[in-house]
Amino acid sequence: MNAPTSLTPSQLPEFLLGVALVRPVFIWGPPGIGKSALVQKFAASLGLDCVSLLGSQLAPEDLIGVPQIVNGKSRFCPPTTIARDEPYCLFLDELNACSHEVQKAFYSLIHDRKLGEYELPRGSIVIGAGNRAQDAAIVKPMSSALLNRMIHVHLHASSRDWLEWAHASEVHPLVCDYLRTRPDHLWSAPPKHEEPFSTPRTWHMFSDALWSLSGGDADKLPDAVTLDALAFGCLTPAHATQWKAFVKQVRSKYALDAILKGEEKWPARVEDRDVLYFLAQSFRARLIKELPPDKAKLSGKASELAFVSKALLKDLSHISLEIAQVAVASEEGESLPGWFIAEVVRDLPRLVRK
C-alpha cells in the first residue's frame, strides 16, 4: 500500500494520541524503521502495558482460545495475555502477515473490541503494524473487511529523528558522525536478492557490535578485516563501502567541513581515492541539502556555499574528472538544483558526462 502522505517517527505519537484512543490504527512502513518500538513507547507514555502479538506466528485459537465446558455449555476462553481486567495497548505486529483465518478472528476484536464473550477493558487501544508488499517481506493481502476496520497511516524514516534518538541512546559516535554526513544512508529499499540492507534497526545493530568489539572505548576500532566483515554484514553493500572510506577519512584526519572552509584540500594521493570518493559523495549530499531548488530563494550562507563549491569542483576535477562528475550527477532520484548545475557546466563543461 502506498500513500501520498506519510509521517516521521516524531510526528506519529501526536497522531496516535488523537486517533488511536477512539479507533484502531494500522501503521504501514518498511522493515527496520522502528514501528514496534514507537508503539511500545507510545503505550508507556499513556501508562498502559503493551501486549504484542506477532501475526506471522498466530493461529486462530491463539486469539479466541479453546472451547471449555461450563455448566454443560461450551464457551471459548481467550488466553490470559489478551483477557485482562485493566486497560492496555494491544499491538498486532505483522498483522498483514497472518493467515486469512487469523485475519477473520481479528474482525470482532478490532471492530467491536470483543473476543467471544470477552470485551477489552474501557480505555484499551488497538494498534496494528506491518510491512508493505514492495518491501520483499512476508505479507499477505489484507482482506477488505479487515482493511476497512482501521485507520491507516504511513511511516517513513527521518535521519533527524533518528539522530536525536541515537544521541540520547548512546549510539556509537562514529555511526552518528557518518549518518550526519550521509543522512541518505539511514535507510535503503530492500534488495531484490538476499543481502543485508541499511535501516535504522541495522545501524543500531552495527553500533552495538562496534561497542562490543571495541570494549566500550569509542576511540578504539577493531582491525580492518573485522570492521569490513561487520559493515558488510549489517549494511547495504554500497553503504558499507562508503563506511570503509569514512573510517579511513577519520583516521587520516580529512574532513569535509575543513575542505569547505579552505583549511584543507581534497586528498590527491592515488591510495586515497576511496576517501576522495566518499568526500565527493558527502559534498554532493551537502549541496543537495543546503542549496534551494529556486535560485531566487538563495540565502547569503547558501550563496557563499555555491561560490566555494564551484571552485572546489574545479579542484576536484583536476584530481579525478570521474569523481567530480559523480559529485554533480543525479542519483537515486536526487539531483543538485538545476540553476547550480547550469552554472557549473558553464564554467566547467568537462563535468558533463558524454
Protein backbone atom coordinates (compact mmCIF):
# COMPACT_ATOMS: atom_id res chain seq x y z
CA MET A 1 0.00 0.00 0.00
CA ASN A 2 1.23 3.48 -0.87
CA ALA A 3 0.00 6.89 0.25
CA PRO A 4 0.73 10.46 -0.88
CA THR A 5 1.28 11.49 2.76
CA SER A 6 3.43 9.85 5.40
CA LEU A 7 4.65 10.73 8.89
CA THR A 8 8.06 10.73 10.53
CA PRO A 9 8.63 8.87 13.81
CA SER A 10 8.46 12.16 15.75
CA GLN A 11 5.07 13.00 14.19
CA LEU A 12 3.49 9.61 14.85
CA PRO A 13 2.85 9.91 18.64
CA GLU A 14 0.69 13.01 18.26
CA PHE A 15 -1.30 11.30 15.50
CA LEU A 16 -1.82 8.21 17.66
CA LEU A 17 -2.82 10.33 20.66
CA GLY A 18 -5.60 11.95 18.65
CA VAL A 19 -6.75 8.87 16.73
CA ALA A 20 -5.80 5.58 18.41
CA LEU A 21 -7.79 6.44 21.56
CA VAL A 22 -11.02 6.32 19.57
CA ARG A 23 -10.34 4.00 16.62
CA PRO A 24 -7.87 1.20 15.76
CA VAL A 25 -4.86 2.38 13.75
CA PHE A 26 -2.67 0.43 11.32
CA ILE A 27 0.89 1.65 10.76
CA TRP A 28 2.49 0.86 7.40
CA GLY A 29 6.24 1.10 6.98
CA PRO A 30 9.37 -0.64 5.70
CA PRO A 31 11.27 -3.18 7.83
CA GLY A 32 13.59 -1.83 10.49
CA ILE A 33 12.11 1.65 10.70
CA GLY A 34 11.11 1.25 14.35
CA LYS A 35 7.35 0.68 14.24
CA SER A 36 7.30 -1.71 17.21
CA ALA A 37 9.48 0.48 19.42
CA LEU A 38 7.36 3.55 18.64
CA VAL A 39 4.13 1.77 19.62
CA GLN A 40 5.67 0.45 22.85
CA LYS A 41 6.94 3.92 23.74
CA PHE A 42 3.54 5.45 22.96
CA ALA A 43 1.76 2.92 25.19
CA ALA A 44 4.22 3.63 28.01
CA SER A 45 3.55 7.37 27.66
CA LEU A 46 -0.12 6.62 28.39
CA GLY A 47 0.72 4.39 31.33
CA LEU A 48 -0.57 1.30 29.52
CA ASP A 49 1.00 -2.13 29.30
CA CYS A 50 1.74 -3.09 25.69
CA VAL A 51 0.80 -6.64 24.73
CA SER A 52 2.39 -7.57 21.41
CA LEU A 53 1.06 -10.35 19.19
CA LEU A 54 3.08 -11.38 16.14
CA GLY A 55 0.68 -12.02 13.28
CA SER A 56 3.04 -14.31 11.38
CA GLN A 57 3.12 -16.71 14.35
CA LEU A 58 -0.57 -16.77 15.30
CA ALA A 59 -3.24 -19.40 14.84
CA PRO A 60 -6.97 -18.62 15.31
CA GLU A 61 -7.04 -20.44 18.66
CA ASP A 62 -4.30 -18.14 19.94
CA LEU A 63 -6.93 -15.40 19.88
CA ILE A 64 -10.31 -16.96 20.52
CA GLY A 65 -8.90 -19.65 22.81
CA VAL A 66 -10.08 -23.25 23.05
CA PRO A 67 -13.61 -24.39 23.96
CA GLN A 68 -14.36 -25.39 27.55
CA ILE A 69 -17.47 -26.90 29.06
CA VAL A 70 -19.00 -24.61 31.68
CA ASN A 71 -22.32 -25.66 33.28
CA GLY A 72 -22.98 -28.03 30.43
CA LYS A 73 -22.34 -25.43 27.77
CA SER A 74 -19.25 -24.82 25.67
CA ARG A 75 -17.58 -21.44 25.67
CA PHE A 76 -14.34 -20.10 24.22
CA CYS A 77 -11.84 -18.71 26.70
CA PRO A 78 -9.31 -16.28 25.22
CA PRO A 79 -5.74 -16.54 26.53
CA THR A 80 -4.69 -14.58 29.62
CA THR A 81 -2.29 -12.47 27.52
CA ILE A 82 -5.38 -10.87 25.95
CA ALA A 83 -8.13 -11.35 28.53
CA ARG A 84 -7.10 -8.70 31.05
CA ASP A 85 -9.04 -6.73 33.62
CA GLU A 86 -7.15 -3.44 33.26
CA PRO A 87 -6.94 -1.32 30.08
CA TYR A 88 -3.90 -1.95 27.91
CA CYS A 89 -2.48 -1.44 24.42
CA LEU A 90 -2.95 -4.43 22.13
CA PHE A 91 -0.26 -4.25 19.46
CA LEU A 92 -0.87 -6.51 16.45
CA ASP A 93 2.56 -6.60 14.83
CA GLU A 94 2.90 -8.03 11.32
CA LEU A 95 -0.88 -8.17 11.16
CA ASN A 96 -0.84 -8.42 7.38
CA ALA A 97 1.49 -11.44 7.58
CA CYS A 98 -1.07 -13.68 9.29
CA SER A 99 -3.30 -16.16 7.50
CA HIS A 100 -6.78 -15.22 6.33
CA GLU A 101 -8.24 -17.44 9.07
CA VAL A 102 -6.40 -15.39 11.70
CA GLN A 103 -7.42 -12.16 9.96
CA LYS A 104 -11.05 -13.21 10.31
CA ALA A 105 -10.52 -13.88 14.00
CA PHE A 106 -9.43 -10.25 14.37
CA TYR A 107 -12.62 -8.81 12.84
CA SER A 108 -14.67 -8.56 16.04
CA LEU A 109 -11.63 -7.73 18.19
CA ILE A 110 -10.70 -4.74 16.03
CA HIS A 111 -14.19 -3.51 15.21
CA ASP A 112 -16.22 -4.42 18.32
CA ARG A 113 -13.30 -4.81 20.77
CA LYS A 114 -14.60 -8.28 21.64
CA LEU A 115 -13.40 -11.88 21.51
CA GLY A 116 -16.36 -14.13 22.08
CA GLU A 117 -17.75 -13.05 25.47
CA TYR A 118 -14.62 -11.12 26.42
CA GLU A 119 -14.55 -7.37 25.84
CA LEU A 120 -11.43 -5.21 26.02
CA PRO A 121 -11.47 -3.02 29.15
CA ARG A 122 -12.60 0.55 28.61
CA GLY A 123 -9.57 2.71 27.82
CA SER A 124 -7.73 -0.01 25.89
CA ILE A 125 -6.32 0.78 22.46
CA VAL A 126 -5.65 -1.42 19.44
CA ILE A 127 -2.77 -0.69 17.06
CA GLY A 128 -1.64 -2.83 14.13
CA ALA A 129 1.51 -2.58 12.03
CA GLY A 130 3.01 -4.25 9.01
CA ASN A 131 5.35 -4.03 6.06
CA ARG A 132 4.30 -3.23 2.52
CA ALA A 133 4.24 -5.64 -0.41
CA GLN A 134 7.12 -3.79 -2.08
CA ASP A 135 9.35 -4.40 0.96
CA ALA A 136 10.04 -8.01 -0.03
CA ALA A 137 8.78 -9.06 3.42
CA ILE A 138 6.36 -11.85 4.30
CA VAL A 139 2.98 -10.20 3.72
CA LYS A 140 -0.43 -11.43 2.63
CA PRO A 141 -3.19 -9.36 1.03
CA MET A 142 -5.28 -7.86 3.81
CA SER A 143 -8.95 -8.63 3.39
CA SER A 144 -11.11 -5.64 2.54
CA ALA A 145 -13.21 -6.28 5.66
CA LEU A 146 -10.16 -6.04 7.92
CA LEU A 147 -8.67 -3.14 5.97
CA ASN A 148 -11.88 -1.17 6.36
CA ARG A 149 -11.93 -1.59 10.14
CA MET A 150 -8.82 0.53 10.78
CA ILE A 151 -7.41 3.98 10.13
CA HIS A 152 -4.20 3.70 8.11
CA VAL A 153 -1.06 5.80 8.46
CA HIS A 154 2.26 5.51 6.64
CA LEU A 155 5.65 5.96 8.30
CA HIS A 156 8.95 6.95 6.70
CA ALA A 157 12.47 7.14 8.08
CA SER A 158 13.80 10.50 9.27
CA SER A 159 17.52 10.94 9.78
CA ARG A 160 16.91 13.95 12.05
CA ASP A 161 14.57 12.00 14.32
CA TRP A 162 16.89 9.01 14.38
CA LEU A 163 20.00 11.05 15.17
CA GLU A 164 18.21 12.76 18.07
CA TRP A 165 17.23 9.34 19.41
CA ALA A 166 20.71 7.94 18.73
CA HIS A 167 22.41 10.69 20.71
CA ALA A 168 20.16 10.06 23.71
CA SER A 169 20.58 6.28 23.37
CA GLU A 170 24.39 6.33 23.27
CA VAL A 171 24.70 5.01 19.74
CA HIS A 172 28.38 4.77 18.76
CA PRO A 173 29.64 8.31 17.92
CA LEU A 174 31.20 7.19 14.63
CA VAL A 175 27.82 5.86 13.47
CA CYS A 176 26.22 9.21 14.36
CA ASP A 177 29.01 11.15 12.63
CA TYR A 178 28.68 9.04 9.50
CA LEU A 179 24.90 9.49 9.26
CA ARG A 180 25.18 13.22 9.86
CA THR A 181 27.42 13.28 6.81
CA ARG A 182 25.31 10.83 4.80
CA PRO A 183 21.74 11.04 6.16
CA ASP A 184 20.55 9.46 2.92
CA HIS A 185 22.21 6.22 4.04
CA LEU A 186 19.97 5.74 7.09
CA TRP A 187 17.59 3.60 5.05
CA SER A 188 17.67 1.89 1.68
CA ALA A 189 15.00 -0.06 -0.15
CA PRO A 190 15.04 -3.82 0.48
CA PRO A 191 17.08 -5.60 -2.22
CA LYS A 192 15.54 -7.99 -4.72
CA HIS A 193 18.00 -10.69 -3.72
CA GLU A 194 19.34 -11.85 -0.36
CA GLU A 195 21.81 -9.37 1.08
CA PRO A 196 21.90 -7.03 4.10
CA PHE A 197 20.41 -3.57 3.69
CA SER A 198 20.58 -0.40 5.76
CA THR A 199 17.72 0.53 8.09
CA PRO A 200 17.57 2.36 11.44
CA ARG A 201 17.48 -1.10 13.04
CA THR A 202 20.64 -2.36 11.29
CA TRP A 203 22.55 0.85 12.11
CA HIS A 204 21.62 0.28 15.76
CA MET A 205 22.82 -3.33 15.48
CA PHE A 206 26.02 -2.10 13.87
CA SER A 207 26.55 0.36 16.74
CA ASP A 208 26.01 -2.34 19.38
CA ALA A 209 28.56 -4.60 17.67
CA LEU A 210 31.08 -1.74 17.41
CA TRP A 211 30.77 -1.03 21.13
CA SER A 212 31.21 -4.72 21.90
CA LEU A 213 34.23 -5.20 19.64
CA SER A 214 35.91 -2.06 20.99
CA GLY A 215 35.32 -2.95 24.62
CA GLY A 216 33.24 0.18 25.14
CA ASP A 217 36.06 2.50 24.01
CA ALA A 218 34.73 4.98 21.40
CA ASP A 219 38.27 5.80 20.24
CA LYS A 220 39.13 2.17 19.58
CA LEU A 221 38.04 0.27 16.47
CA PRO A 222 38.50 -3.40 15.56
CA ASP A 223 41.01 -4.39 12.91
CA ALA A 224 40.20 -3.61 9.27
CA VAL A 225 39.14 -7.17 8.35
CA THR A 226 36.73 -7.44 11.30
CA LEU A 227 35.35 -3.96 10.67
CA ASP A 228 34.74 -4.76 6.99
CA ALA A 229 33.02 -8.04 7.86
CA LEU A 230 30.77 -6.22 10.32
CA ALA A 231 29.87 -3.40 7.92
CA PHE A 232 29.08 -5.75 5.04
CA GLY A 233 27.12 -7.98 7.45
CA CYS A 234 24.79 -5.15 8.52
CA LEU A 235 24.55 -2.54 5.78
CA THR A 236 23.71 -2.10 2.12
CA PRO A 237 26.93 -3.04 0.25
CA ALA A 238 27.34 0.45 -1.24
CA HIS A 239 26.91 1.96 2.22
CA ALA A 240 29.42 -0.48 3.73
CA THR A 241 31.95 0.57 1.08
CA GLN A 242 31.35 4.22 1.89
CA TRP A 243 31.70 3.44 5.60
CA LYS A 244 35.16 1.98 4.93
CA ALA A 245 36.18 5.22 3.22
CA PHE A 246 34.66 7.23 6.07
CA VAL A 247 36.74 5.37 8.66
CA LYS A 248 39.85 5.88 6.55
CA GLN A 249 38.97 9.58 6.32
CA VAL A 250 38.59 9.79 10.10
CA ARG A 251 41.90 8.07 10.61
CA SER A 252 43.65 10.26 8.05
CA LYS A 253 42.07 13.43 9.51
CA TYR A 254 40.45 14.58 6.25
CA ALA A 255 37.18 16.42 6.91
CA LEU A 256 34.62 17.89 4.55
CA ASP A 257 33.96 20.95 6.73
CA ALA A 258 37.67 21.78 6.74
CA ILE A 259 37.78 21.46 2.94
CA LEU A 260 34.76 23.74 2.57
CA LYS A 261 36.42 26.33 4.84
CA GLY A 262 39.64 26.18 2.82
CA GLU A 263 41.59 24.75 5.75
CA GLU A 264 42.35 21.52 3.87
CA LYS A 265 42.45 20.38 0.26
CA TRP A 266 40.99 17.34 -1.47
CA PRO A 267 43.18 14.26 -0.83
CA ALA A 268 45.14 13.80 -4.06
CA ARG A 269 47.13 10.62 -3.47
CA VAL A 270 46.15 7.59 -5.54
CA GLU A 271 45.93 5.47 -2.38
CA ASP A 272 43.32 7.92 -1.03
CA ARG A 273 40.89 7.55 -3.94
CA ASP A 274 38.31 5.79 -1.76
CA VAL A 275 38.45 8.66 0.74
CA LEU A 276 38.17 11.16 -2.11
CA TYR A 277 35.11 9.34 -3.45
CA PHE A 278 33.44 9.37 -0.03
CA LEU A 279 34.20 13.08 0.44
CA ALA A 280 32.81 13.85 -3.02
CA GLN A 281 29.61 11.94 -2.25
CA SER A 282 29.30 13.74 1.10
CA PHE A 283 29.96 17.05 -0.69
CA ARG A 284 27.14 16.29 -3.13
CA ALA A 285 24.75 15.36 -0.27
CA ARG A 286 25.60 18.64 1.49
CA LEU A 287 24.83 20.68 -1.64
CA ILE A 288 21.51 18.90 -2.20
CA LYS A 289 20.54 19.59 1.40
CA GLU A 290 21.59 23.25 1.61
CA LEU A 291 21.11 24.73 -1.87
CA PRO A 292 17.48 25.70 -2.64
CA PRO A 293 15.82 24.44 -5.85
CA ASP A 294 14.96 28.06 -6.72
CA LYS A 295 17.92 30.43 -7.05
CA ALA A 296 15.69 33.35 -6.06
CA LYS A 297 15.48 31.83 -2.56
CA LEU A 298 19.26 31.68 -2.18
CA SER A 299 20.38 32.96 1.24
CA GLY A 300 23.70 34.61 1.94
CA LYS A 301 25.12 31.45 3.50
CA ALA A 302 23.92 29.27 0.64
CA SER A 303 25.24 31.76 -1.90
CA GLU A 304 28.68 31.55 -0.30
CA LEU A 305 28.47 27.74 -0.34
CA ALA A 306 27.61 27.75 -4.05
CA PHE A 307 30.54 30.06 -4.85
CA VAL A 308 33.04 27.98 -2.86
CA SER A 309 31.65 24.74 -4.25
CA LYS A 310 32.27 25.69 -7.87
CA ALA A 311 35.92 26.31 -7.06
CA LEU A 312 36.13 23.03 -5.18
CA LEU A 313 34.59 21.15 -8.11
CA LYS A 314 37.26 22.62 -10.36
CA ASP A 315 39.99 21.44 -7.98
CA LEU A 316 38.34 18.04 -7.71
CA SER A 317 38.17 17.64 -11.49
CA HIS A 318 41.94 18.20 -11.74
CA ILE A 319 42.48 15.28 -9.34
CA SER A 320 39.79 12.98 -10.77
CA LEU A 321 37.39 14.04 -13.50
CA GLU A 322 35.33 10.89 -12.95
CA ILE A 323 34.79 11.57 -9.24
CA ALA A 324 33.98 15.23 -9.97
CA GLN A 325 31.33 14.03 -12.45
CA VAL A 326 29.91 11.74 -9.76
CA ALA A 327 29.66 14.73 -7.41
CA VAL A 328 27.25 16.54 -9.76
CA ALA A 329 25.38 13.55 -11.20
CA SER A 330 21.78 12.61 -10.41
CA GLU A 331 21.50 9.58 -8.14
CA GLU A 332 18.53 7.61 -6.79
CA GLY A 333 16.07 10.33 -7.79
CA GLU A 334 18.07 13.14 -6.12
CA SER A 335 19.93 15.82 -8.02
CA LEU A 336 21.57 19.19 -7.50
CA PRO A 337 19.46 22.30 -8.26
CA GLY A 338 19.20 22.99 -11.98
CA TRP A 339 20.48 26.56 -11.65
CA PHE A 340 23.63 25.34 -9.88
CA ILE A 341 24.28 22.64 -12.49
CA ALA A 342 23.86 25.23 -15.26
CA GLU A 343 26.49 27.49 -13.66
CA VAL A 344 28.88 24.58 -13.10
CA VAL A 345 28.54 23.36 -16.69
CA ARG A 346 29.07 26.89 -17.99
CA ASP A 347 32.35 27.18 -16.10
CA LEU A 348 33.37 23.52 -16.22
CA PRO A 349 31.95 21.92 -19.38
CA ARG A 350 34.20 18.90 -18.80
CA LEU A 351 31.90 17.78 -15.99
CA VAL A 352 29.14 16.91 -18.46
CA ARG A 353 29.22 13.15 -18.99
CA LYS A 354 29.44 12.16 -22.64
